Amino acid sequence: MSDAVVKGPASYFPSIEKKYGRPVEEWKQLVRDSPLTRHMELVAWLKTEHGIGHGHANAIVAHTLAEPRGR
């Protein structure tokens, strides 16, 4: 087991999973599958369509958009 401290958007993942009851990977897949492409459009969409708070939506979108293309 690693003692490394998780930083950045991923530091929100445990609380996102606990609060919304779905694995972060499911949220990230929704972002990938969305026809929207701009960061704030995706954040607004997660907030309005899925009831996710701004900070959590921002973390999901930021982490997903930072992935290498083709994923």
Protein backbone atom coordinates (compact mmCIF):
# COMPACT_ATOMS: atom_id res chain seq x y z
CA MET A 1 0.00 0.00 0.00
CA SER A 2 1.31 3.42 -0.94
CA ASP A 3 1.44 6.37 1.47
CA ALA A 4 1.51 8.85 -1.43
CA VAL A 5 -0.82 11.80 -0.99
CA VAL A 6 -3.28 12.17 -3.85
CA LYS A 7 -3.38 15.74 -5.13
CA GLY A 8 -5.32 17.64 -7.73
CA PRO A 9 -8.75 16.63 -9.03
CA ALA A 10 -8.28 12.99 -8.01
CA SER A 11 -8.23 14.04 -4.35
CA TYR A 12 -12.00 14.60 -4.66
CA PHE A 13 -12.75 11.10 -5.97
CA PRO A 14 -13.45 9.33 -2.66
CA SER A 15 -15.95 11.98 -1.59
CA ILE A 16 -17.56 12.00 -5.06
CA GLU A 17 -18.11 8.24 -4.92
CA LYS A 18 -19.47 8.44 -1.37
CA LYS A 19 -21.81 11.37 -2.02
CA TYR A 20 -23.22 10.32 -5.40
CA GLY A 21 -23.02 6.53 -5.06
CA ARG A 22 -21.35 5.86 -8.40
CA PRO A 23 -17.73 5.09 -9.24
CA VAL A 24 -15.76 8.04 -10.62
CA GLU A 25 -15.05 6.02 -13.75
CA GLU A 26 -18.79 6.06 -14.55
CA TRP A 27 -18.87 9.86 -14.22
CA LYS A 28 -15.78 10.16 -16.38
CA GLN A 29 -17.35 7.93 -19.04
CA LEU A 30 -20.41 10.19 -19.10
CA VAL A 31 -18.11 13.13 -19.76
CA ARG A 32 -16.28 11.23 -22.52
CA ASP A 33 -19.59 10.23 -24.14
CA SER A 34 -21.08 13.71 -23.98
CA PRO A 35 -21.31 15.71 -27.20
CA LEU A 36 -20.08 18.71 -25.20
CA THR A 37 -16.37 19.46 -25.36
CA ARG A 38 -15.70 22.65 -23.40
CA HIS A 39 -14.73 22.43 -19.75
CA MET A 40 -17.36 24.77 -18.31
CA GLU A 41 -20.11 23.38 -20.55
CA LEU A 42 -19.38 19.93 -19.16
CA VAL A 43 -19.28 21.22 -15.57
CA ALA A 44 -22.63 22.97 -16.04
CA TRP A 45 -24.10 19.82 -17.60
CA LEU A 46 -23.01 17.61 -14.68
CA LYS A 47 -24.46 20.14 -12.27
CA THR A 48 -27.84 20.58 -13.96
CA GLU A 49 -28.46 17.10 -15.36
CA HIS A 50 -26.90 15.03 -12.58
CA GLY A 51 -27.05 17.26 -9.50
CA ILE A 52 -23.32 17.23 -8.88
CA GLY A 53 -21.83 20.13 -6.93
CA HIS A 54 -19.56 22.59 -8.72
CA GLY A 55 -16.27 21.45 -7.14
CA HIS A 56 -16.97 17.79 -7.76
CA ALA A 57 -18.11 18.40 -11.34
CA ASN A 58 -15.03 20.51 -11.97
CA ALA A 59 -12.75 17.76 -10.61
CA ILE A 60 -14.36 15.08 -12.80
CA VAL A 61 -14.17 17.21 -15.94
CA ALA A 62 -10.62 18.42 -15.30
CA HIS A 63 -9.33 14.90 -14.69
CA THR A 64 -11.16 13.49 -17.72
CA LEU A 65 -10.06 16.23 -20.13
CA ALA A 66 -6.44 15.82 -18.97
CA GLU A 67 -6.40 12.18 -20.12
CA PRO A 68 -4.44 11.32 -23.24
CA ARG A 69 -6.59 11.30 -26.36
CA GLY A 70 -7.96 7.99 -27.54
CA ARG A 71 -8.98 6.87 -24.10
